[in-house]
Amino acid sequence: MALVRKGSRGIVVDGTAYRWRLRGRPTYFQGLAWSPCTFAVEYADTPGMTLVVTTDQPHSSNWIGREPVPVLPSGVAAAVRLALREGWTPTAHGSPFRLDQSAGFPPSS
């Protein structure tokens, strides 16, 4: 699964170039703030295994006005480093590597 280039951003983590993308429009569950925001990261030169990160924040375009915290490049870099320590191999092929950081995501009230 390769990232769509439109809307993706480049980032360099520890000397390696990656591209990352946050979904512009929320899914139905993200829009209702029932599920947290996610973003995807892949190796920039030869995309292989995509990293899918589930955050502990609502999507910035949620429909019910829950206050989001923006996904910053520093957070993306931290997620990449953690995923690499946990076994993500960005140049390998295969199913997306999932990194779940949603612990503490509050359910909508």
C-alpha atoms as a PDB file:
ATOM      1  CA  MET A   1       0.000   0.000   0.000  1.00  0.00           C
ATOM      2  CA  ALA A   2       1.644   3.241  -1.120  1.00  0.00           C
ATOM      3  CA  LEU A   3       0.725   6.680   0.124  1.00  0.00           C
ATOM      4  CA  VAL A   4      -1.029   9.063  -2.198  1.00  0.00           C
ATOM      5  CA  ARG A   5       1.532  11.747  -3.007  1.00  0.00           C
ATOM      6  CA  LYS A   6      -1.034  14.548  -3.000  1.00  0.00           C
ATOM      7  CA  GLY A   7      -1.149  15.978   0.499  1.00  0.00           C
ATOM      8  CA  SER A   8       1.844  14.016   1.774  1.00  0.00           C
ATOM      9  CA  ARG A   9       4.714  15.772   3.499  1.00  0.00           C
ATOM     10  CA  GLY A  10       8.379  14.952   3.635  1.00  0.00           C
ATOM     11  CA  ILE A  11      10.262  14.415   6.863  1.00  0.00           C
ATOM     12  CA  VAL A  12      13.825  13.340   7.627  1.00  0.00           C
ATOM     13  CA  VAL A  13      14.270  11.195  10.732  1.00  0.00           C
ATOM     14  CA  ASP A  14      17.820  10.374  11.796  1.00  0.00           C
ATOM     15  CA  GLY A  15      19.115  11.028   8.280  1.00  0.00           C
ATOM     16  CA  THR A  16      16.466   8.937   6.469  1.00  0.00           C
ATOM     17  CA  ALA A  17      13.788  10.522   4.288  1.00  0.00           C
ATOM     18  CA  TYR A  18      10.146   9.529   4.775  1.00  0.00           C
ATOM     19  CA  ARG A  19       6.786  10.806   3.577  1.00  0.00           C
ATOM     20  CA  TRP A  20       3.784  11.066   5.856  1.00  0.00           C
ATOM     21  CA  ARG A  21       0.148  11.876   5.338  1.00  0.00           C
ATOM     22  CA  LEU A  22      -2.765  12.731   7.551  1.00  0.00           C
ATOM     23  CA  ARG A  23      -6.180  11.992   6.130  1.00  0.00           C
ATOM     24  CA  GLY A  24      -7.741  15.339   5.174  1.00  0.00           C
ATOM     25  CA  ARG A  25     -11.333  14.421   5.861  1.00  0.00           C
ATOM     26  CA  PRO A  26     -12.214  12.295   8.857  1.00  0.00           C
ATOM     27  CA  THR A  27     -13.843   8.905   8.563  1.00  0.00           C
ATOM     28  CA  TYR A  28     -17.403   8.720   9.919  1.00  0.00           C
ATOM     29  CA  PHE A  29     -16.191   7.435  13.296  1.00  0.00           C
ATOM     30  CA  GLN A  30     -13.400  10.019  13.445  1.00  0.00           C
ATOM     31  CA  GLY A  31     -15.875  12.758  12.560  1.00  0.00           C
ATOM     32  CA  LEU A  32     -17.993  11.789  15.539  1.00  0.00           C
ATOM     33  CA  ALA A  33     -14.829  11.511  17.680  1.00  0.00           C
ATOM     34  CA  TRP A  34     -15.571   7.850  18.363  1.00  0.00           C
ATOM     35  CA  SER A  35     -12.167   6.804  17.029  1.00  0.00           C
ATOM     36  CA  PRO A  36      -8.852   8.663  17.101  1.00  0.00           C
ATOM     37  CA  CYS A  37      -6.917  10.329  14.325  1.00  0.00           C
ATOM     38  CA  THR A  38      -4.462   8.237  12.308  1.00  0.00           C
ATOM     39  CA  PHE A  39      -1.615   9.049   9.962  1.00  0.00           C
ATOM     40  CA  ALA A  40       0.567   7.004   7.628  1.00  0.00           C
ATOM     41  CA  VAL A  41       4.321   7.061   6.999  1.00  0.00           C
ATOM     42  CA  GLU A  42       6.442   5.383   4.329  1.00  0.00           C
ATOM     43  CA  TYR A  43      10.039   5.329   3.162  1.00  0.00           C
ATOM     44  CA  ALA A  44      10.410   8.140   0.625  1.00  0.00           C
ATOM     45  CA  ASP A  45      12.701   6.572  -1.984  1.00  0.00           C
ATOM     46  CA  THR A  46      11.251   3.105  -2.480  1.00  0.00           C
ATOM     47  CA  PRO A  47       7.970   2.705  -0.625  1.00  0.00           C
ATOM     48  CA  GLY A  48       7.594  -0.655   1.023  1.00  0.00           C
ATOM     49  CA  MET A  49       5.782  -1.403   4.269  1.00  0.00           C
ATOM     50  CA  THR A  50       3.570   1.499   5.357  1.00  0.00           C
ATOM     51  CA  LEU A  51       3.480   2.548   8.991  1.00  0.00           C
ATOM     52  CA  VAL A  52      -0.034   3.389  10.234  1.00  0.00           C
ATOM     53  CA  VAL A  53      -0.042   5.317  13.517  1.00  0.00           C
ATOM     54  CA  THR A  54      -3.180   5.626  15.633  1.00  0.00           C
ATOM     55  CA  THR A  55      -2.914   8.683  17.872  1.00  0.00           C
ATOM     56  CA  ASP A  56      -4.661   9.441  21.148  1.00  0.00           C
ATOM     57  CA  GLN A  57      -6.303  12.597  19.742  1.00  0.00           C
ATOM     58  CA  PRO A  58      -9.513  13.304  17.835  1.00  0.00           C
ATOM     59  CA  HIS A  59      -9.230  14.184  14.140  1.00  0.00           C
ATOM     60  CA  SER A  60      -8.741  17.919  13.648  1.00  0.00           C
ATOM     61  CA  SER A  61     -11.860  18.087  11.460  1.00  0.00           C
ATOM     62  CA  ASN A  62     -14.187  16.232  13.816  1.00  0.00           C
ATOM     63  CA  TRP A  63     -17.803  17.340  13.552  1.00  0.00           C
ATOM     64  CA  ILE A  64     -18.662  17.723  17.204  1.00  0.00           C
ATOM     65  CA  GLY A  65     -16.063  20.277  18.205  1.00  0.00           C
ATOM     66  CA  ARG A  66     -13.727  18.119  20.303  1.00  0.00           C
ATOM     67  CA  GLU A  67     -10.498  20.033  20.742  1.00  0.00           C
ATOM     68  CA  PRO A  68      -7.741  18.325  18.727  1.00  0.00           C
ATOM     69  CA  VAL A  69      -4.008  18.527  19.207  1.00  0.00           C
ATOM     70  CA  PRO A  70      -2.330  18.952  15.820  1.00  0.00           C
ATOM     71  CA  VAL A  71      -0.112  16.201  14.451  1.00  0.00           C
ATOM     72  CA  LEU A  72       3.305  17.837  14.336  1.00  0.00           C
ATOM     73  CA  PRO A  73       6.450  16.676  12.537  1.00  0.00           C
ATOM     74  CA  SER A  74       8.079  16.106  15.947  1.00  0.00           C
ATOM     75  CA  GLY A  75       5.301  13.636  16.807  1.00  0.00           C
ATOM     76  CA  VAL A  76       5.674  11.898  13.454  1.00  0.00           C
ATOM     77  CA  ALA A  77       9.445  11.591  13.992  1.00  0.00           C
ATOM     78  CA  ALA A  78       8.895  10.155  17.481  1.00  0.00           C
ATOM     79  CA  ALA A  79       6.411   7.615  16.095  1.00  0.00           C
ATOM     80  CA  VAL A  80       8.868   6.590  13.352  1.00  0.00           C
ATOM     81  CA  ARG A  81      11.640   6.047  15.899  1.00  0.00           C
ATOM     82  CA  LEU A  82       9.343   3.991  18.138  1.00  0.00           C
ATOM     83  CA  ALA A  83       8.083   1.892  15.218  1.00  0.00           C
ATOM     84  CA  LEU A  84      11.647   1.186  14.090  1.00  0.00           C
ATOM     85  CA  ARG A  85      12.516   0.009  17.619  1.00  0.00           C
ATOM     86  CA  GLU A  86       9.415  -2.214  17.595  1.00  0.00           C
ATOM     87  CA  GLY A  87      10.330  -3.899  14.319  1.00  0.00           C
ATOM     88  CA  TRP A  88       8.984  -1.792  11.464  1.00  0.00           C
ATOM     89  CA  THR A  89      11.083  -2.359   8.342  1.00  0.00           C
ATOM     90  CA  PRO A  90      10.099   0.421   5.931  1.00  0.00           C
ATOM     91  CA  THR A  91      11.897  -1.114   2.932  1.00  0.00           C
ATOM     92  CA  ALA A  92      10.260  -4.537   3.327  1.00  0.00           C
ATOM     93  CA  HIS A  93       7.065  -5.427   1.521  1.00  0.00           C
ATOM     94  CA  GLY A  94       3.967  -6.628   3.259  1.00  0.00           C
ATOM     95  CA  SER A  95       0.960  -5.557   5.269  1.00  0.00           C
ATOM     96  CA  PRO A  96       1.022  -2.175   6.987  1.00  0.00           C
ATOM     97  CA  PHE A  97       2.800  -2.007  10.334  1.00  0.00           C
ATOM     98  CA  ARG A  98       0.396  -0.659  12.931  1.00  0.00           C
ATOM     99  CA  LEU A  99       1.546   1.457  15.849  1.00  0.00           C
ATOM    100  CA  ASP A 100      -1.265   2.040  18.332  1.00  0.00           C
ATOM    101  CA  GLN A 101      -0.741   5.054  20.570  1.00  0.00           C
ATOM    102  CA  SER A 102      -4.444   5.498  21.362  1.00  0.00           C
ATOM    103  CA  ALA A 103      -4.245   4.473  25.019  1.00  0.00           C
ATOM    104  CA  GLY A 104      -6.192   7.063  26.938  1.00  0.00           C
ATOM    105  CA  PHE A 105      -8.252   8.223  23.950  1.00  0.00           C
ATOM    106  CA  PRO A 106     -11.348   9.467  25.708  1.00  0.00           C
ATOM    107  CA  PRO A 107     -14.661   8.261  24.360  1.00  0.00           C
ATOM    108  CA  SER A 108     -16.975  11.031  23.269  1.00  0.00           C
ATOM    109  CA  SER A 109     -19.425  12.137  25.915  1.00  0.00           C
END
